[in-house]
PDB file of N, CA and C in Angstrom:
ATOM      1  N   MET A   1       0.798 -20.877 -21.378  1.00  0.00           N
ATOM      2  CA  MET A   1      -0.633 -20.528 -21.571  1.00  0.00           C
ATOM      3  C   MET A   1      -0.637 -19.067 -20.818  1.00  0.00           C
ATOM      4  N   PHE A   2      -1.320 -18.120 -21.416  1.00  0.00           N
ATOM      5  CA  PHE A   2      -1.468 -16.580 -20.886  1.00  0.00           C
ATOM      6  C   PHE A   2      -2.904 -16.417 -20.947  1.00  0.00           C
ATOM      7  N   LYS A   3      -3.450 -15.665 -19.857  1.00  0.00           N
ATOM      8  CA  LYS A   3      -4.557 -15.104 -19.741  1.00  0.00           C
ATOM      9  C   LYS A   3      -4.424 -13.583 -19.666  1.00  0.00           C
ATOM     10  N   LEU A   4      -5.616 -12.695 -19.676  1.00  0.00           N
ATOM     11  CA  LEU A   4      -5.631 -11.328 -19.554  1.00  0.00           C
ATOM     12  C   LEU A   4      -6.557 -11.054 -18.427  1.00  0.00           C
ATOM     13  N   GLN A   5      -5.984 -10.136 -17.674  1.00  0.00           N
ATOM     14  CA  GLN A   5      -6.676  -9.401 -16.292  1.00  0.00           C
ATOM     15  C   GLN A   5      -6.756  -7.982 -16.583  1.00  0.00           C
ATOM     16  N   VAL A   6      -7.825  -7.365 -16.072  1.00  0.00           N
ATOM     17  CA  VAL A   6      -8.174  -5.870 -16.221  1.00  0.00           C
ATOM     18  C   VAL A   6      -8.535  -5.484 -14.599  1.00  0.00           C
ATOM     19  N   GLN A   7      -8.182  -4.327 -14.261  1.00  0.00           N
ATOM     20  CA  GLN A   7      -8.833  -3.883 -13.024  1.00  0.00           C
ATOM     21  C   GLN A   7      -9.476  -2.605 -13.432  1.00  0.00           C
ATOM     22  N   GLU A   8     -10.836  -2.627 -13.596  1.00  0.00           N
ATOM     23  CA  GLU A   8     -11.519  -1.355 -14.082  1.00  0.00           C
ATOM     24  C   GLU A   8     -11.937  -0.401 -12.905  1.00  0.00           C
ATOM     25  N   ASP A   9     -11.739  -0.756 -11.557  1.00  0.00           N
ATOM     26  CA  ASP A   9     -11.946   0.053 -10.605  1.00  0.00           C
ATOM     27  C   ASP A   9     -10.825   0.605  -9.908  1.00  0.00           C
ATOM     28  N   ASP A  10     -10.087   1.682 -10.349  1.00  0.00           N
ATOM     29  CA  ASP A  10      -8.877   2.195  -9.731  1.00  0.00           C
ATOM     30  C   ASP A  10      -8.846   2.373  -8.168  1.00  0.00           C
ATOM     31  N   LYS A  11      -9.943   2.484  -7.669  1.00  0.00           N
ATOM     32  CA  LYS A  11     -10.190   2.507  -6.192  1.00  0.00           C
ATOM     33  C   LYS A  11      -9.845   1.430  -5.303  1.00  0.00           C
ATOM     34  N   ASP A  12     -10.123   0.169  -6.023  1.00  0.00           N
ATOM     35  CA  ASP A  12      -9.821  -0.948  -5.483  1.00  0.00           C
ATOM     36  C   ASP A  12      -8.648  -1.677  -6.186  1.00  0.00           C
ATOM     37  N   PRO A  13      -7.543  -1.714  -5.708  1.00  0.00           N
ATOM     38  CA  PRO A  13      -6.381  -2.262  -6.345  1.00  0.00           C
ATOM     39  C   PRO A  13      -6.546  -3.690  -6.500  1.00  0.00           C
ATOM     40  N   GLN A  14      -7.385  -4.414  -5.528  1.00  0.00           N
ATOM     41  CA  GLN A  14      -7.390  -5.757  -5.536  1.00  0.00           C
ATOM     42  C   GLN A  14      -8.602  -6.478  -6.458  1.00  0.00           C
ATOM     43  N   ALA A  15      -9.293  -5.511  -7.181  1.00  0.00           N
ATOM     44  CA  ALA A  15     -10.437  -5.951  -7.936  1.00  0.00           C
ATOM     45  C   ALA A  15     -10.055  -6.292  -9.366  1.00  0.00           C
ATOM     46  N   TRP A  16      -9.181  -7.198  -9.674  1.00  0.00           N
ATOM     47  CA  TRP A  16      -8.819  -7.620 -10.998  1.00  0.00           C
ATOM     48  C   TRP A  16      -9.853  -8.946 -11.235  1.00  0.00           C
ATOM     49  N   HIS A  17     -10.002  -8.879 -12.478  1.00  0.00           N
ATOM     50  CA  HIS A  17     -10.875  -9.765 -13.137  1.00  0.00           C
ATOM     51  C   HIS A  17     -10.419 -10.255 -14.426  1.00  0.00           C
ATOM     52  N   ASP A  18     -10.577 -11.760 -14.719  1.00  0.00           N
ATOM     53  CA  ASP A  18     -10.048 -12.387 -16.040  1.00  0.00           C
ATOM     54  C   ASP A  18     -10.954 -11.507 -17.187  1.00  0.00           C
ATOM     55  N   VAL A  19     -10.494 -11.529 -18.408  1.00  0.00           N
ATOM     56  CA  VAL A  19     -11.127 -11.033 -19.547  1.00  0.00           C
ATOM     57  C   VAL A  19     -11.735 -12.312 -20.302  1.00  0.00           C
ATOM     58  N   ILE A  20     -13.205 -12.186 -20.558  1.00  0.00           N
ATOM     59  CA  ILE A  20     -13.782 -13.222 -21.085  1.00  0.00           C
ATOM     60  C   ILE A  20     -14.056 -12.926 -22.532  1.00  0.00           C
ATOM     61  N   GLY A  21     -14.014 -13.902 -23.362  1.00  0.00           N
ATOM     62  CA  GLY A  21     -14.461 -13.594 -24.997  1.00  0.00           C
ATOM     63  C   GLY A  21     -16.022 -13.508 -25.134  1.00  0.00           C
ATOM     64  N   PRO A  22     -16.241 -13.217 -26.423  1.00  0.00           N
ATOM     65  CA  PRO A  22     -17.702 -13.197 -26.655  1.00  0.00           C
ATOM     66  C   PRO A  22     -18.542 -14.351 -26.444  1.00  0.00           C
ATOM     67  N   ASP A  23     -17.813 -15.527 -26.437  1.00  0.00           N
ATOM     68  CA  ASP A  23     -18.450 -16.850 -26.298  1.00  0.00           C
ATOM     69  C   ASP A  23     -18.797 -17.173 -24.647  1.00  0.00           C
ATOM     70  N   GLY A  24     -18.116 -16.167 -23.779  1.00  0.00           N
ATOM     71  CA  GLY A  24     -18.381 -16.459 -22.487  1.00  0.00           C
ATOM     72  C   GLY A  24     -17.215 -17.304 -21.819  1.00  0.00           C
ATOM     73  N   LYS A  25     -16.121 -17.684 -22.514  1.00  0.00           N
ATOM     74  CA  LYS A  25     -15.100 -18.489 -22.050  1.00  0.00           C
ATOM     75  C   LYS A  25     -13.992 -17.635 -21.894  1.00  0.00           C
ATOM     76  N   LEU A  26     -12.996 -18.119 -20.968  1.00  0.00           N
ATOM     77  CA  LEU A  26     -11.809 -17.258 -20.793  1.00  0.00           C
ATOM     78  C   LEU A  26     -11.013 -17.187 -21.878  1.00  0.00           C
ATOM     79  N   LEU A  27     -10.451 -16.012 -22.266  1.00  0.00           N
ATOM     80  CA  LEU A  27      -9.422 -15.615 -23.299  1.00  0.00           C
ATOM     81  C   LEU A  27      -8.217 -16.311 -23.009  1.00  0.00           C
ATOM     82  N   ILE A  28      -7.640 -17.245 -23.686  1.00  0.00           N
ATOM     83  CA  ILE A  28      -6.398 -17.869 -23.407  1.00  0.00           C
ATOM     84  C   ILE A  28      -5.519 -17.982 -24.762  1.00  0.00           C
ATOM     85  N   PHE A  29      -4.187 -17.565 -24.350  1.00  0.00           N
ATOM     86  CA  PHE A  29      -3.157 -17.497 -25.488  1.00  0.00           C
ATOM     87  C   PHE A  29      -2.105 -18.412 -25.300  1.00  0.00           C
ATOM     88  N   GLU A  30      -1.582 -19.017 -26.416  1.00  0.00           N
ATOM     89  CA  GLU A  30      -0.352 -19.721 -26.294  1.00  0.00           C
ATOM     90  C   GLU A  30       0.806 -18.928 -26.093  1.00  0.00           C
ATOM     91  N   LYS A  31       1.018 -17.706 -27.007  1.00  0.00           N
ATOM     92  CA  LYS A  31       2.158 -17.047 -26.664  1.00  0.00           C
ATOM     93  C   LYS A  31       1.768 -15.554 -26.079  1.00  0.00           C
ATOM     94  N   GLU A  32       2.762 -15.106 -25.241  1.00  0.00           N
ATOM     95  CA  GLU A  32       2.409 -13.950 -24.380  1.00  0.00           C
ATOM     96  C   GLU A  32       2.538 -12.716 -25.471  1.00  0.00           C
ATOM     97  N   ALA A  33       3.139 -12.642 -26.637  1.00  0.00           N
ATOM     98  CA  ALA A  33       2.863 -11.530 -27.389  1.00  0.00           C
ATOM     99  C   ALA A  33       1.565 -11.384 -28.015  1.00  0.00           C
ATOM    100  N   ALA A  34       0.842 -12.648 -28.309  1.00  0.00           N
ATOM    101  CA  ALA A  34      -0.426 -12.624 -28.842  1.00  0.00           C
ATOM    102  C   ALA A  34      -1.489 -12.119 -27.784  1.00  0.00           C
ATOM    103  N   ALA A  35      -1.012 -12.313 -26.429  1.00  0.00           N
ATOM    104  CA  ALA A  35      -1.930 -11.911 -25.396  1.00  0.00           C
ATOM    105  C   ALA A  35      -1.737 -10.382 -25.216  1.00  0.00           C
ATOM    106  N   ARG A  36      -0.482 -10.012 -25.266  1.00  0.00           N
ATOM    107  CA  ARG A  36      -0.536  -8.552 -25.123  1.00  0.00           C
ATOM    108  C   ARG A  36      -1.060  -7.899 -26.270  1.00  0.00           C
ATOM    109  N   ALA A  37      -1.085  -8.321 -27.561  1.00  0.00           N
ATOM    110  CA  ALA A  37      -1.565  -7.542 -28.710  1.00  0.00           C
ATOM    111  C   ALA A  37      -3.145  -7.576 -28.385  1.00  0.00           C
ATOM    112  N   LYS A  38      -3.718  -8.554 -27.839  1.00  0.00           N
ATOM    113  CA  LYS A  38      -5.172  -8.491 -27.817  1.00  0.00           C
ATOM    114  C   LYS A  38      -5.529  -7.690 -26.569  1.00  0.00           C
ATOM    115  N   LEU A  39      -4.790  -7.721 -25.552  1.00  0.00           N
ATOM    116  CA  LEU A  39      -5.064  -6.820 -24.551  1.00  0.00           C
ATOM    117  C   LEU A  39      -4.937  -5.190 -24.919  1.00  0.00           C
ATOM    118  N   GLU A  40      -3.998  -4.995 -25.915  1.00  0.00           N
ATOM    119  CA  GLU A  40      -4.015  -3.531 -26.398  1.00  0.00           C
ATOM    120  C   GLU A  40      -5.417  -3.405 -27.203  1.00  0.00           C
ATOM    121  N   GLN A  41      -5.687  -4.412 -28.109  1.00  0.00           N
ATOM    122  CA  GLN A  41      -6.994  -4.214 -28.769  1.00  0.00           C
ATOM    123  C   GLN A  41      -8.069  -3.998 -28.103  1.00  0.00           C
ATOM    124  N   LEU A  42      -8.345  -4.769 -27.110  1.00  0.00           N
ATOM    125  CA  LEU A  42      -9.546  -4.548 -26.257  1.00  0.00           C
ATOM    126  C   LEU A  42      -9.517  -3.438 -25.282  1.00  0.00           C
ATOM    127  N   TYR A  43      -8.315  -2.982 -24.722  1.00  0.00           N
ATOM    128  CA  TYR A  43      -8.113  -1.854 -23.795  1.00  0.00           C
ATOM    129  C   TYR A  43      -7.108  -0.844 -24.020  1.00  0.00           C
ATOM    130  N   PRO A  44      -7.343  -0.183 -25.324  1.00  0.00           N
ATOM    131  CA  PRO A  44      -6.189   0.701 -26.014  1.00  0.00           C
ATOM    132  C   PRO A  44      -5.842   1.773 -25.017  1.00  0.00           C
ATOM    133  N   ILE A  45      -7.024   2.365 -24.376  1.00  0.00           N
ATOM    134  CA  ILE A  45      -6.668   3.653 -23.608  1.00  0.00           C
ATOM    135  C   ILE A  45      -5.935   3.226 -22.247  1.00  0.00           C
ATOM    136  N   LEU A  46      -6.442   2.300 -21.495  1.00  0.00           N
ATOM    137  CA  LEU A  46      -5.688   1.887 -20.396  1.00  0.00           C
ATOM    138  C   LEU A  46      -4.193   1.465 -20.671  1.00  0.00           C
ATOM    139  N   VAL A  47      -4.007   0.720 -21.786  1.00  0.00           N
ATOM    140  CA  VAL A  47      -2.699   0.199 -22.075  1.00  0.00           C
ATOM    141  C   VAL A  47      -1.645   1.335 -22.445  1.00  0.00           C
ATOM    142  N   LYS A  48      -2.186   2.188 -23.279  1.00  0.00           N
ATOM    143  CA  LYS A  48      -1.452   3.565 -23.596  1.00  0.00           C
ATOM    144  C   LYS A  48      -1.109   4.291 -22.420  1.00  0.00           C
ATOM    145  N   MET A  49      -2.166   4.386 -21.581  1.00  0.00           N
ATOM    146  CA  MET A  49      -1.841   5.271 -20.342  1.00  0.00           C
ATOM    147  C   MET A  49      -0.817   4.569 -19.493  1.00  0.00           C
ATOM    148  N   GLU A  50      -0.675   3.358 -19.340  1.00  0.00           N
ATOM    149  CA  GLU A  50       0.291   2.683 -18.693  1.00  0.00           C
ATOM    150  C   GLU A  50       1.457   2.761 -19.356  1.00  0.00           C
ATOM    151  N   ARG A  51       1.695   2.917 -20.629  1.00  0.00           N
ATOM    152  CA  ARG A  51       2.962   3.091 -21.304  1.00  0.00           C
ATOM    153  C   ARG A  51       3.417   4.171 -21.089  1.00  0.00           C
ATOM    154  N   TYR A  52       2.685   5.269 -21.020  1.00  0.00           N
ATOM    155  CA  TYR A  52       3.321   6.794 -20.849  1.00  0.00           C
ATOM    156  C   TYR A  52       3.317   7.202 -19.269  1.00  0.00           C
ATOM    157  N   ALA A  53       3.034   6.116 -18.259  1.00  0.00           N
ATOM    158  CA  ALA A  53       3.082   6.247 -16.848  1.00  0.00           C
ATOM    159  C   ALA A  53       2.185   7.414 -16.302  1.00  0.00           C
ATOM    160  N   ALA A  54       1.072   7.623 -17.057  1.00  0.00           N
ATOM    161  CA  ALA A  54       0.061   8.488 -16.768  1.00  0.00           C
ATOM    162  C   ALA A  54      -1.101   7.999 -15.746  1.00  0.00           C
ATOM    163  N   ASP A  55      -0.882   6.739 -15.741  1.00  0.00           N
ATOM    164  CA  ASP A  55      -1.903   6.214 -14.991  1.00  0.00           C
ATOM    165  C   ASP A  55      -1.390   4.970 -14.133  1.00  0.00           C
ATOM    166  N   SER A  56      -2.011   4.197 -13.060  1.00  0.00           N
ATOM    167  CA  SER A  56      -1.356   3.081 -12.557  1.00  0.00           C
ATOM    168  C   SER A  56      -1.606   2.052 -13.393  1.00  0.00           C
ATOM    169  N   LYS A  57      -1.016   0.913 -12.910  1.00  0.00           N
ATOM    170  CA  LYS A  57      -1.110  -0.430 -13.865  1.00  0.00           C
ATOM    171  C   LYS A  57      -2.359  -0.951 -13.489  1.00  0.00           C
ATOM    172  N   ARG A  58      -3.357  -1.170 -14.592  1.00  0.00           N
ATOM    173  CA  ARG A  58      -4.628  -1.516 -14.568  1.00  0.00           C
ATOM    174  C   ARG A  58      -5.029  -2.723 -15.616  1.00  0.00           C
ATOM    175  N   THR A  59      -3.828  -3.357 -16.303  1.00  0.00           N
ATOM    176  CA  THR A  59      -4.015  -4.189 -17.301  1.00  0.00           C
ATOM    177  C   THR A  59      -2.795  -5.273 -16.922  1.00  0.00           C
ATOM    178  N   ARG A  60      -3.096  -6.476 -17.134  1.00  0.00           N
ATOM    179  CA  ARG A  60      -1.946  -7.314 -16.982  1.00  0.00           C
ATOM    180  C   ARG A  60      -2.131  -8.700 -17.829  1.00  0.00           C
ATOM    181  N   VAL A  61      -1.133  -9.406 -18.334  1.00  0.00           N
ATOM    182  CA  VAL A  61      -1.015 -10.719 -18.919  1.00  0.00           C
ATOM    183  C   VAL A  61      -0.481 -11.741 -17.912  1.00  0.00           C
ATOM    184  N   ILE A  62      -1.320 -12.606 -17.509  1.00  0.00           N
ATOM    185  CA  ILE A  62      -0.759 -13.719 -16.514  1.00  0.00           C
ATOM    186  C   ILE A  62      -0.529 -15.009 -16.933  1.00  0.00           C
ATOM    187  N   SER A  63       0.780 -15.466 -16.641  1.00  0.00           N
ATOM    188  CA  SER A  63       1.035 -16.924 -16.973  1.00  0.00           C
ATOM    189  C   SER A  63       0.298 -17.737 -16.279  1.00  0.00           C
ATOM    190  N   MET A  64      -0.301 -18.939 -16.979  1.00  0.00           N
ATOM    191  CA  MET A  64      -1.122 -19.813 -16.216  1.00  0.00           C
ATOM    192  C   MET A  64      -0.594 -21.174 -16.183  1.00  0.00           C
ATOM    193  N   TYR A  65      -0.840 -21.986 -15.238  1.00  0.00           N
ATOM    194  CA  TYR A  65      -0.447 -23.306 -15.158  1.00  0.00           C
ATOM    195  C   TYR A  65      -1.745 -24.048 -15.877  1.00  0.00           C
ATOM    196  N   ALA A  66      -1.316 -25.358 -16.397  1.00  0.00           N
ATOM    197  CA  ALA A  66      -2.272 -25.963 -17.125  1.00  0.00           C
ATOM    198  C   ALA A  66      -3.451 -26.301 -16.211  1.00  0.00           C
ATOM    199  N   GLU A  67      -3.359 -26.563 -15.075  1.00  0.00           N
ATOM    200  CA  GLU A  67      -4.503 -26.775 -14.324  1.00  0.00           C
ATOM    201  C   GLU A  67      -5.401 -25.599 -13.792  1.00  0.00           C
ATOM    202  N   ASP A  68      -4.851 -24.436 -14.245  1.00  0.00           N
ATOM    203  CA  ASP A  68      -5.804 -23.054 -14.087  1.00  0.00           C
ATOM    204  C   ASP A  68      -6.754 -22.933 -15.214  1.00  0.00           C
ATOM    205  N   GLU A  69      -6.614 -23.514 -16.228  1.00  0.00           N
ATOM    206  CA  GLU A  69      -7.428 -23.515 -17.340  1.00  0.00           C
ATOM    207  C   GLU A  69      -8.759 -23.769 -17.082  1.00  0.00           C
ATOM    208  N   THR A  70      -9.766 -22.878 -17.263  1.00  0.00           N
ATOM    209  CA  THR A  70     -11.256 -23.350 -17.312  1.00  0.00           C
ATOM    210  C   THR A  70     -12.075 -23.354 -18.468  1.00  0.00           C
TER     211      THR A  70
END
């Protein structure tokens, strides 16, 4: 299982938060590829900036253990 995280405040590198869906629940994916595709769909500018090394890492896909799911 995989979840998405984003850091919207580049001045605070510790300020990562989970990406929540419109239903208020944590977005969880079975496959990493699907998680990465959704991350790019939701945050296209941040993902593209990271890809071209124009900005620091501010999005990530995290592997989850079953007990981490909420």
